[in-house]
Amino acid sequence: MRIISVIFSFLLLFAFSSCSKFSKVQKSKDYDYKLAKAEEYYIKKKYRYAQQLYEELFPVYKGTQKFEDLYYKYAYCFYNQRLYRDAENLFKGYLEVFPNSSRAEEVDYMRAYCFHKQSPKLELEQVNTTKAMGMMQTFISTHPGSPRIPEATVIIDESRMKLELKEYRTAQLYYNLGEYRASSIAFASLLNAYPDSERGETYKLMVVKSCYKYAKMSIPEKQEERYEKVISEYEDFADRFPDSKLLQEAKDLSKSSTNHIKDIKNEQNSSSAKR
């Protein structure tokens, strides 16, 4: 217990000593010394201290040759503290102030990368995922010879897969809840949005299944046209994926729909005959 107390006291003393030294640096009127200490903190990855000193030195070095490097490292201080929203704004500002900098390509990439780092869990809104994908696509178009293009491409693919998976879960949830009209629309939208997806056949089958379930639970007056929709969606499935292993299941639903339509028409004819 005493050992723990001694260690804790030592850490407190060390922290107080560090704060005291930093406070002296902050109070210094020797701006070159202050900048040198900021660089030292930056190299030692003490980004919070470096950030505070760079911030205080902004008005001093603005317009000088040292300002670009100061601004560059100031932005990275936020990035390295995982303050990605602030870092993105600073990278954006850097590009506006130094559009012709030799670092412009790197900073442009880092701005897009900050959105990627802010991409949330799948359950949450994916605004930053969409922005990351769009900005990486813009980066590739703007810097066609960049060595960062392969990494940007990977991020685009990962973002697209994440967005697709989120939409898939939403569509599947509609189906699981018995909201079959909504699920048919959602799965059709998925297929249109991601036509080259590996799950394309599954999405199309789910459209057919959703339409079938929707027709089956409909009021009699609406069933015929909705079973016809099932047949139409099956035919589209067969055109798109003629070799699909899932085609038979869709075909069975189409046949069942045809039989239901026959039954509906027979019943209608029988009712007419009785009149």
C-alpha atoms as a PDB file:
ATOM      1  CA  MET A   1       0.000   0.000   0.000  1.00  0.00           C
ATOM      2  CA  ARG A   2       2.882   2.349   0.894  1.00  0.00           C
ATOM      3  CA  ILE A   3       4.612   1.554  -2.400  1.00  0.00           C
ATOM      4  CA  ILE A   4       1.477   2.551  -4.322  1.00  0.00           C
ATOM      5  CA  SER A   5       1.287   5.775  -2.321  1.00  0.00           C
ATOM      6  CA  VAL A   6       4.936   6.587  -3.091  1.00  0.00           C
ATOM      7  CA  ILE A   7       4.432   5.918  -6.812  1.00  0.00           C
ATOM      8  CA  PHE A   8       1.294   8.077  -6.876  1.00  0.00           C
ATOM      9  CA  SER A   9       3.117  10.912  -5.103  1.00  0.00           C
ATOM     10  CA  PHE A  10       5.995  10.645  -7.577  1.00  0.00           C
ATOM     11  CA  LEU A  11       3.598  10.835 -10.538  1.00  0.00           C
ATOM     12  CA  LEU A  12       1.886  13.883  -9.065  1.00  0.00           C
ATOM     13  CA  LEU A  13       5.260  15.552  -8.520  1.00  0.00           C
ATOM     14  CA  PHE A  14       6.304  14.731 -12.099  1.00  0.00           C
ATOM     15  CA  ALA A  15       3.052  16.080 -13.523  1.00  0.00           C
ATOM     16  CA  PHE A  16       3.342  19.268 -11.466  1.00  0.00           C
ATOM     17  CA  SER A  17       6.949  19.705 -12.569  1.00  0.00           C
ATOM     18  CA  SER A  18       5.991  19.250 -16.251  1.00  0.00           C
ATOM     19  CA  CYS A  19       3.137  21.739 -15.954  1.00  0.00           C
ATOM     20  CA  SER A  20       5.431  24.196 -14.199  1.00  0.00           C
ATOM     21  CA  LYS A  21       8.030  23.959 -16.983  1.00  0.00           C
ATOM     22  CA  PHE A  22       5.379  24.349 -19.659  1.00  0.00           C
ATOM     23  CA  SER A  23       3.941  27.375 -17.859  1.00  0.00           C
ATOM     24  CA  LYS A  24       7.353  29.028 -17.982  1.00  0.00           C
ATOM     25  CA  VAL A  25       7.580  28.376 -21.711  1.00  0.00           C
ATOM     26  CA  GLN A  26       4.128  29.887 -22.218  1.00  0.00           C
ATOM     27  CA  LYS A  27       5.079  33.051 -20.360  1.00  0.00           C
ATOM     28  CA  SER A  28       8.265  33.548 -22.360  1.00  0.00           C
ATOM     29  CA  LYS A  29       8.431  36.567 -24.692  1.00  0.00           C
ATOM     30  CA  ASP A  30      11.212  34.945 -26.710  1.00  0.00           C
ATOM     31  CA  TYR A  31       9.084  33.733 -29.611  1.00  0.00           C
ATOM     32  CA  ASP A  32      11.872  31.813 -31.352  1.00  0.00           C
ATOM     33  CA  TYR A  33      12.491  29.935 -28.099  1.00  0.00           C
ATOM     34  CA  LYS A  34       8.775  29.304 -27.748  1.00  0.00           C
ATOM     35  CA  LEU A  35       8.593  27.960 -31.304  1.00  0.00           C
ATOM     36  CA  ALA A  36      11.616  25.741 -30.687  1.00  0.00           C
ATOM     37  CA  LYS A  37       9.907  24.299 -27.598  1.00  0.00           C
ATOM     38  CA  ALA A  38       6.720  23.720 -29.592  1.00  0.00           C
ATOM     39  CA  GLU A  39       8.799  21.785 -32.130  1.00  0.00           C
ATOM     40  CA  GLU A  40      10.361  19.812 -29.296  1.00  0.00           C
ATOM     41  CA  TYR A  41       6.969  18.925 -27.839  1.00  0.00           C
ATOM     42  CA  TYR A  42       5.742  17.974 -31.309  1.00  0.00           C
ATOM     43  CA  ILE A  43       8.676  15.624 -31.916  1.00  0.00           C
ATOM     44  CA  LYS A  44       8.150  14.050 -28.487  1.00  0.00           C
ATOM     45  CA  LYS A  45       4.431  13.545 -29.398  1.00  0.00           C
ATOM     46  CA  LYS A  46       3.299  15.834 -26.602  1.00  0.00           C
ATOM     47  CA  TYR A  47       0.715  17.225 -28.981  1.00  0.00           C
ATOM     48  CA  ARG A  48      -1.450  19.044 -26.442  1.00  0.00           C
ATOM     49  CA  TYR A  49       1.474  21.187 -25.325  1.00  0.00           C
ATOM     50  CA  ALA A  50       2.665  21.744 -28.890  1.00  0.00           C
ATOM     51  CA  GLN A  51      -0.865  22.697 -29.965  1.00  0.00           C
ATOM     52  CA  GLN A  52      -1.175  25.357 -27.267  1.00  0.00           C
ATOM     53  CA  LEU A  53       2.161  26.932 -28.151  1.00  0.00           C
ATOM     54  CA  TYR A  54       1.496  26.900 -31.898  1.00  0.00           C
ATOM     55  CA  GLU A  55      -1.870  28.532 -31.230  1.00  0.00           C
ATOM     56  CA  GLU A  56      -0.250  31.326 -29.229  1.00  0.00           C
ATOM     57  CA  LEU A  57       2.347  31.839 -31.977  1.00  0.00           C
ATOM     58  CA  PHE A  58      -0.178  32.135 -34.830  1.00  0.00           C
ATOM     59  CA  PRO A  59      -0.427  35.958 -34.750  1.00  0.00           C
ATOM     60  CA  VAL A  60       3.340  36.276 -34.274  1.00  0.00           C
ATOM     61  CA  TYR A  61       4.422  34.267 -37.332  1.00  0.00           C
ATOM     62  CA  LYS A  62       1.459  34.858 -39.640  1.00  0.00           C
ATOM     63  CA  GLY A  63       2.777  36.191 -42.940  1.00  0.00           C
ATOM     64  CA  THR A  64       6.315  34.909 -42.329  1.00  0.00           C
ATOM     65  CA  GLN A  65       8.110  31.972 -43.955  1.00  0.00           C
ATOM     66  CA  LYS A  66       7.716  29.934 -40.775  1.00  0.00           C
ATOM     67  CA  PHE A  67       3.927  30.201 -40.734  1.00  0.00           C
ATOM     68  CA  GLU A  68       3.246  27.393 -43.223  1.00  0.00           C
ATOM     69  CA  ASP A  69       5.177  24.802 -41.235  1.00  0.00           C
ATOM     70  CA  LEU A  70       3.582  26.032 -38.016  1.00  0.00           C
ATOM     71  CA  TYR A  71       0.066  25.755 -39.495  1.00  0.00           C
ATOM     72  CA  TYR A  72       0.856  22.276 -40.905  1.00  0.00           C
ATOM     73  CA  LYS A  73       2.024  20.901 -37.560  1.00  0.00           C
ATOM     74  CA  TYR A  74      -0.773  22.660 -35.688  1.00  0.00           C
ATOM     75  CA  ALA A  75      -3.317  20.759 -37.810  1.00  0.00           C
ATOM     76  CA  TYR A  76      -1.518  17.482 -37.146  1.00  0.00           C
ATOM     77  CA  CYS A  77      -1.586  18.163 -33.398  1.00  0.00           C
ATOM     78  CA  PHE A  78      -5.383  17.894 -33.538  1.00  0.00           C
ATOM     79  CA  TYR A  79      -5.245  14.847 -35.808  1.00  0.00           C
ATOM     80  CA  ASN A  80      -2.839  13.045 -33.497  1.00  0.00           C
ATOM     81  CA  GLN A  81      -5.114  13.772 -30.532  1.00  0.00           C
ATOM     82  CA  ARG A  82      -7.949  12.153 -32.518  1.00  0.00           C
ATOM     83  CA  LEU A  83      -9.795  15.446 -32.757  1.00  0.00           C
ATOM     84  CA  TYR A  84     -10.682  14.680 -36.350  1.00  0.00           C
ATOM     85  CA  ARG A  85     -13.376  17.304 -36.890  1.00  0.00           C
ATOM     86  CA  ASP A  86     -11.014  20.089 -35.833  1.00  0.00           C
ATOM     87  CA  ALA A  87      -8.185  18.551 -37.849  1.00  0.00           C
ATOM     88  CA  GLU A  88     -10.371  18.399 -40.976  1.00  0.00           C
ATOM     89  CA  ASN A  89     -11.223  22.087 -40.646  1.00  0.00           C
ATOM     90  CA  LEU A  90      -7.565  22.972 -40.205  1.00  0.00           C
ATOM     91  CA  PHE A  91      -6.445  20.885 -43.189  1.00  0.00           C
ATOM     92  CA  LYS A  92      -9.135  22.632 -45.222  1.00  0.00           C
ATOM     93  CA  GLY A  93      -7.888  26.014 -43.986  1.00  0.00           C
ATOM     94  CA  TYR A  94      -4.305  25.077 -44.824  1.00  0.00           C
ATOM     95  CA  LEU A  95      -5.273  24.334 -48.432  1.00  0.00           C
ATOM     96  CA  GLU A  96      -7.067  27.678 -48.684  1.00  0.00           C
ATOM     97  CA  VAL A  97      -4.063  29.584 -47.343  1.00  0.00           C
ATOM     98  CA  PHE A  98      -1.361  27.541 -49.125  1.00  0.00           C
ATOM     99  CA  PRO A  99      -2.992  26.134 -52.302  1.00  0.00           C
ATOM    100  CA  ASN A 100       0.362  25.796 -54.097  1.00  0.00           C
ATOM    101  CA  SER A 101       2.238  24.185 -51.215  1.00  0.00           C
ATOM    102  CA  SER A 102       4.371  21.115 -51.880  1.00  0.00           C
ATOM    103  CA  ARG A 103       2.333  19.513 -49.096  1.00  0.00           C
ATOM    104  CA  ALA A 104      -1.039  20.293 -50.729  1.00  0.00           C
ATOM    105  CA  GLU A 105      -1.572  16.745 -52.003  1.00  0.00           C
ATOM    106  CA  GLU A 106      -0.808  15.213 -48.606  1.00  0.00           C
ATOM    107  CA  VAL A 107      -3.047  17.678 -46.781  1.00  0.00           C
ATOM    108  CA  ASP A 108      -5.862  17.196 -49.299  1.00  0.00           C
ATOM    109  CA  TYR A 109      -5.675  13.459 -48.641  1.00  0.00           C
ATOM    110  CA  MET A 110      -5.575  13.967 -44.874  1.00  0.00           C
ATOM    111  CA  ARG A 111      -8.665  16.136 -45.010  1.00  0.00           C
ATOM    112  CA  ALA A 112     -10.571  13.299 -46.701  1.00  0.00           C
ATOM    113  CA  TYR A 113      -8.991  10.795 -44.320  1.00  0.00           C
ATOM    114  CA  CYS A 114     -10.358  12.721 -41.324  1.00  0.00           C
ATOM    115  CA  PHE A 115     -13.884  11.972 -42.544  1.00  0.00           C
ATOM    116  CA  HIS A 116     -12.922   8.309 -42.827  1.00  0.00           C
ATOM    117  CA  LYS A 117     -11.684   8.364 -39.229  1.00  0.00           C
ATOM    118  CA  GLN A 118     -15.023   9.882 -38.151  1.00  0.00           C
ATOM    119  CA  SER A 119     -17.010   7.115 -39.844  1.00  0.00           C
ATOM    120  CA  PRO A 120     -19.259   5.805 -37.036  1.00  0.00           C
ATOM    121  CA  LYS A 121     -20.593   2.396 -36.047  1.00  0.00           C
ATOM    122  CA  LEU A 122     -22.932   0.764 -38.517  1.00  0.00           C
ATOM    123  CA  GLU A 123     -25.993   1.479 -36.384  1.00  0.00           C
ATOM    124  CA  LEU A 124     -25.500   5.261 -36.622  1.00  0.00           C
ATOM    125  CA  GLU A 125     -25.998   7.767 -39.431  1.00  0.00           C
ATOM    126  CA  GLN A 126     -23.295   7.378 -42.072  1.00  0.00           C
ATOM    127  CA  VAL A 127     -22.903  11.022 -43.162  1.00  0.00           C
ATOM    128  CA  ASN A 128     -19.140  10.979 -42.630  1.00  0.00           C
ATOM    129  CA  THR A 129     -18.791   7.634 -44.402  1.00  0.00           C
ATOM    130  CA  THR A 130     -20.526   9.112 -47.443  1.00  0.00           C
ATOM    131  CA  LYS A 131     -18.348  12.239 -47.258  1.00  0.00           C
ATOM    132  CA  ALA A 132     -15.181  10.154 -46.937  1.00  0.00           C
ATOM    133  CA  MET A 133     -16.107   8.157 -50.038  1.00  0.00           C
ATOM    134  CA  GLY A 134     -16.959  11.277 -52.047  1.00  0.00           C
ATOM    135  CA  MET A 135     -13.850  13.170 -50.987  1.00  0.00           C
ATOM    136  CA  MET A 136     -11.567  10.233 -51.729  1.00  0.00           C
ATOM    137  CA  GLN A 137     -13.106  10.015 -55.212  1.00  0.00           C
ATOM    138  CA  THR A 138     -12.450  13.740 -55.663  1.00  0.00           C
ATOM    139  CA  PHE A 139      -8.886  13.250 -54.417  1.00  0.00           C
ATOM    140  CA  ILE A 140      -8.245  10.574 -57.042  1.00  0.00           C
ATOM    141  CA  SER A 141      -9.627  12.830 -59.780  1.00  0.00           C
ATOM    142  CA  THR A 142      -7.621  15.828 -58.573  1.00  0.00           C
ATOM    143  CA  HIS A 143      -4.335  13.944 -58.055  1.00  0.00           C
ATOM    144  CA  PRO A 144      -4.283  11.219 -60.765  1.00  0.00           C
ATOM    145  CA  GLY A 145      -0.592  10.383 -60.245  1.00  0.00           C
ATOM    146  CA  SER A 146      -0.631  10.273 -56.461  1.00  0.00           C
ATOM    147  CA  PRO A 147       0.968   7.288 -54.682  1.00  0.00           C
ATOM    148  CA  ARG A 148      -1.922   7.528 -52.211  1.00  0.00           C
ATOM    149  CA  ILE A 149      -4.488   6.437 -54.814  1.00  0.00           C
ATOM    150  CA  PRO A 150      -4.368   2.704 -53.877  1.00  0.00           C
ATOM    151  CA  GLU A 151      -5.121   3.561 -50.227  1.00  0.00           C
ATOM    152  CA  ALA A 152      -7.837   6.008 -51.285  1.00  0.00           C
ATOM    153  CA  THR A 153      -9.386   3.279 -53.446  1.00  0.00           C
ATOM    154  CA  VAL A 154      -9.430   0.844 -50.517  1.00  0.00           C
ATOM    155  CA  ILE A 155     -11.191   3.436 -48.352  1.00  0.00           C
ATOM    156  CA  ILE A 156     -13.775   4.049 -51.099  1.00  0.00           C
ATOM    157  CA  ASP A 157     -14.449   0.302 -51.338  1.00  0.00           C
ATOM    158  CA  GLU A 158     -14.686  -0.073 -47.555  1.00  0.00           C
ATOM    159  CA  SER A 159     -17.047   2.906 -47.327  1.00  0.00           C
ATOM    160  CA  ARG A 160     -19.253   1.556 -50.098  1.00  0.00           C
ATOM    161  CA  MET A 161     -19.424  -1.863 -48.427  1.00  0.00           C
ATOM    162  CA  LYS A 162     -20.334  -0.245 -45.116  1.00  0.00           C
ATOM    163  CA  LEU A 163     -23.116   1.815 -46.677  1.00  0.00           C
ATOM    164  CA  GLU A 164     -24.388  -1.231 -48.548  1.00  0.00           C
ATOM    165  CA  LEU A 165     -24.428  -3.348 -45.395  1.00  0.00           C
ATOM    166  CA  LYS A 166     -26.355  -0.663 -43.499  1.00  0.00           C
ATOM    167  CA  GLU A 167     -28.976  -0.459 -46.274  1.00  0.00           C
ATOM    168  CA  TYR A 168     -29.171  -4.251 -46.397  1.00  0.00           C
ATOM    169  CA  ARG A 169     -29.849  -4.455 -42.658  1.00  0.00           C
ATOM    170  CA  THR A 170     -32.596  -1.869 -42.996  1.00  0.00           C
ATOM    171  CA  ALA A 171     -34.223  -3.776 -45.858  1.00  0.00           C
ATOM    172  CA  GLN A 172     -33.961  -7.067 -43.962  1.00  0.00           C
ATOM    173  CA  LEU A 173     -35.473  -5.449 -40.879  1.00  0.00           C
ATOM    174  CA  TYR A 174     -38.504  -4.365 -42.919  1.00  0.00           C
ATOM    175  CA  TYR A 175     -38.887  -7.954 -44.108  1.00  0.00           C
ATOM    176  CA  ASN A 176     -38.499  -9.410 -40.621  1.00  0.00           C
ATOM    177  CA  LEU A 177     -41.141  -7.009 -39.297  1.00  0.00           C
ATOM    178  CA  GLY A 178     -43.596  -8.018 -42.015  1.00  0.00           C
ATOM    179  CA  GLU A 179     -43.355  -4.661 -43.807  1.00  0.00           C
ATOM    180  CA  TYR A 180     -43.178  -6.418 -47.156  1.00  0.00           C
ATOM    181  CA  ARG A 181     -43.951  -3.493 -49.445  1.00  0.00           C
ATOM    182  CA  ALA A 182     -41.218  -1.441 -47.774  1.00  0.00           C
ATOM    183  CA  SER A 183     -38.777  -4.346 -47.937  1.00  0.00           C
ATOM    184  CA  SER A 184     -39.439  -4.910 -51.658  1.00  0.00           C
ATOM    185  CA  ILE A 185     -38.698  -1.233 -52.335  1.00  0.00           C
ATOM    186  CA  ALA A 186     -35.609  -1.266 -50.109  1.00  0.00           C
ATOM    187  CA  PHE A 187     -34.120  -4.399 -51.707  1.00  0.00           C
ATOM    188  CA  ALA A 188     -34.846  -3.043 -55.205  1.00  0.00           C
ATOM    189  CA  SER A 189     -33.088   0.214 -54.263  1.00  0.00           C
ATOM    190  CA  LEU A 190     -30.129  -1.793 -52.951  1.00  0.00           C
ATOM    191  CA  LEU A 191     -29.806  -3.630 -56.247  1.00  0.00           C
ATOM    192  CA  ASN A 192     -29.991  -0.389 -58.215  1.00  0.00           C
ATOM    193  CA  ALA A 193     -27.480   1.372 -55.966  1.00  0.00           C
ATOM    194  CA  TYR A 194     -25.017  -1.556 -55.959  1.00  0.00           C
ATOM    195  CA  PRO A 195     -25.533  -3.380 -59.295  1.00  0.00           C
ATOM    196  CA  ASP A 196     -22.148  -5.113 -59.075  1.00  0.00           C
ATOM    197  CA  SER A 197     -22.627  -6.339 -55.513  1.00  0.00           C
ATOM    198  CA  GLU A 198     -21.820  -9.960 -54.700  1.00  0.00           C
ATOM    199  CA  ARG A 199     -25.213 -10.069 -52.985  1.00  0.00           C
ATOM    200  CA  GLY A 200     -27.122  -8.936 -56.054  1.00  0.00           C
ATOM    201  CA  GLU A 201     -28.866 -12.287 -56.527  1.00  0.00           C
ATOM    202  CA  THR A 202     -29.927 -12.327 -52.879  1.00  0.00           C
ATOM    203  CA  TYR A 203     -31.323  -8.808 -53.132  1.00  0.00           C
ATOM    204  CA  LYS A 204     -33.355  -9.751 -56.196  1.00  0.00           C
ATOM    205  CA  LEU A 205     -34.696 -12.896 -54.554  1.00  0.00           C
ATOM    206  CA  MET A 206     -35.745 -10.812 -51.554  1.00  0.00           C
ATOM    207  CA  VAL A 207     -37.641  -8.474 -53.887  1.00  0.00           C
ATOM    208  CA  VAL A 208     -39.563 -11.469 -55.272  1.00  0.00           C
ATOM    209  CA  LYS A 209     -40.199 -12.903 -51.809  1.00  0.00           C
ATOM    210  CA  SER A 210     -41.318  -9.542 -50.426  1.00  0.00           C
ATOM    211  CA  CYS A 211     -43.696  -8.992 -53.330  1.00  0.00           C
ATOM    212  CA  TYR A 212     -45.123 -12.489 -52.869  1.00  0.00           C
ATOM    213  CA  LYS A 213     -45.687 -12.013 -49.136  1.00  0.00           C
ATOM    214  CA  TYR A 214     -47.213  -8.591 -49.775  1.00  0.00           C
ATOM    215  CA  ALA A 215     -49.606 -10.041 -52.372  1.00  0.00           C
ATOM    216  CA  LYS A 216     -50.572 -12.900 -50.102  1.00  0.00           C
ATOM    217  CA  MET A 217     -51.540 -10.613 -47.215  1.00  0.00           C
ATOM    218  CA  SER A 218     -53.390  -8.112 -49.428  1.00  0.00           C
ATOM    219  CA  ILE A 219     -57.146  -7.698 -49.628  1.00  0.00           C
ATOM    220  CA  PRO A 220     -58.722  -9.843 -52.393  1.00  0.00           C
ATOM    221  CA  GLU A 221     -59.319  -6.856 -54.686  1.00  0.00           C
ATOM    222  CA  LYS A 222     -55.581  -6.112 -54.796  1.00  0.00           C
ATOM    223  CA  GLN A 223     -54.151  -9.633 -54.933  1.00  0.00           C
ATOM    224  CA  GLU A 224     -54.247 -10.247 -58.679  1.00  0.00           C
ATOM    225  CA  GLU A 225     -52.179  -7.221 -59.652  1.00  0.00           C
ATOM    226  CA  ARG A 226     -49.749  -7.876 -56.812  1.00  0.00           C
ATOM    227  CA  TYR A 227     -49.240 -11.504 -57.809  1.00  0.00           C
ATOM    228  CA  GLU A 228     -48.593 -10.240 -61.334  1.00  0.00           C
ATOM    229  CA  LYS A 229     -45.867  -8.056 -59.819  1.00  0.00           C
ATOM    230  CA  VAL A 230     -44.262 -11.209 -58.384  1.00  0.00           C
ATOM    231  CA  ILE A 231     -44.211 -12.805 -61.835  1.00  0.00           C
ATOM    232  CA  SER A 232     -42.753  -9.643 -63.348  1.00  0.00           C
ATOM    233  CA  GLU A 233     -39.998  -9.483 -60.716  1.00  0.00           C
ATOM    234  CA  TYR A 234     -39.197 -13.168 -61.267  1.00  0.00           C
ATOM    235  CA  GLU A 235     -38.841 -12.584 -65.010  1.00  0.00           C
ATOM    236  CA  ASP A 236     -36.475  -9.708 -64.301  1.00  0.00           C
ATOM    237  CA  PHE A 237     -34.520 -12.022 -61.966  1.00  0.00           C
ATOM    238  CA  ALA A 238     -34.239 -14.642 -64.730  1.00  0.00           C
ATOM    239  CA  ASP A 239     -32.991 -12.008 -67.185  1.00  0.00           C
ATOM    240  CA  ARG A 240     -30.390 -10.611 -64.802  1.00  0.00           C
ATOM    241  CA  PHE A 241     -29.191 -13.826 -63.188  1.00  0.00           C
ATOM    242  CA  PRO A 242     -30.001 -16.732 -65.530  1.00  0.00           C
ATOM    243  CA  ASP A 243     -27.453 -19.031 -63.870  1.00  0.00           C
ATOM    244  CA  SER A 244     -28.288 -18.165 -60.265  1.00  0.00           C
ATOM    245  CA  LYS A 245     -28.663 -20.977 -57.753  1.00  0.00           C
ATOM    246  CA  LEU A 246     -31.455 -18.936 -56.192  1.00  0.00           C
ATOM    247  CA  LEU A 247     -33.474 -18.798 -59.388  1.00  0.00           C
ATOM    248  CA  GLN A 248     -35.488 -21.934 -58.618  1.00  0.00           C
ATOM    249  CA  GLU A 249     -36.868 -20.475 -55.390  1.00  0.00           C
ATOM    250  CA  ALA A 250     -37.967 -17.350 -57.262  1.00  0.00           C
ATOM    251  CA  LYS A 251     -39.461 -19.535 -60.007  1.00  0.00           C
ATOM    252  CA  ASP A 252     -41.505 -21.480 -57.463  1.00  0.00           C
ATOM    253  CA  LEU A 253     -42.932 -18.218 -56.130  1.00  0.00           C
ATOM    254  CA  SER A 254     -43.773 -17.142 -59.666  1.00  0.00           C
ATOM    255  CA  LYS A 255     -45.584 -20.436 -60.326  1.00  0.00           C
ATOM    256  CA  SER A 256     -47.461 -20.123 -57.061  1.00  0.00           C
ATOM    257  CA  SER A 257     -48.453 -16.580 -58.029  1.00  0.00           C
ATOM    258  CA  THR A 258     -49.721 -17.817 -61.411  1.00  0.00           C
ATOM    259  CA  ASN A 259     -51.838 -20.441 -59.646  1.00  0.00           C
ATOM    260  CA  HIS A 260     -53.221 -17.837 -57.259  1.00  0.00           C
ATOM    261  CA  ILE A 261     -54.189 -15.622 -60.185  1.00  0.00           C
ATOM    262  CA  LYS A 262     -55.981 -18.572 -61.808  1.00  0.00           C
ATOM    263  CA  ASP A 263     -57.846 -19.256 -58.581  1.00  0.00           C
ATOM    264  CA  ILE A 264     -58.837 -15.591 -58.291  1.00  0.00           C
ATOM    265  CA  LYS A 265     -60.133 -15.528 -61.877  1.00  0.00           C
ATOM    266  CA  ASN A 266     -62.019 -18.809 -61.422  1.00  0.00           C
ATOM    267  CA  GLU A 267     -63.632 -17.422 -58.313  1.00  0.00           C
ATOM    268  CA  GLN A 268     -64.545 -14.223 -60.145  1.00  0.00           C
ATOM    269  CA  ASN A 269     -66.058 -16.199 -63.041  1.00  0.00           C
ATOM    270  CA  SER A 270     -67.960 -18.399 -60.607  1.00  0.00           C
ATOM    271  CA  SER A 271     -69.382 -15.354 -58.846  1.00  0.00           C
ATOM    272  CA  SER A 272     -70.392 -13.810 -62.175  1.00  0.00           C
ATOM    273  CA  ALA A 273     -72.103 -17.016 -63.243  1.00  0.00           C
ATOM    274  CA  LYS A 274     -74.183 -17.160 -60.051  1.00  0.00           C
ATOM    275  CA  ARG A 275     -75.462 -13.670 -60.729  1.00  0.00           C
END
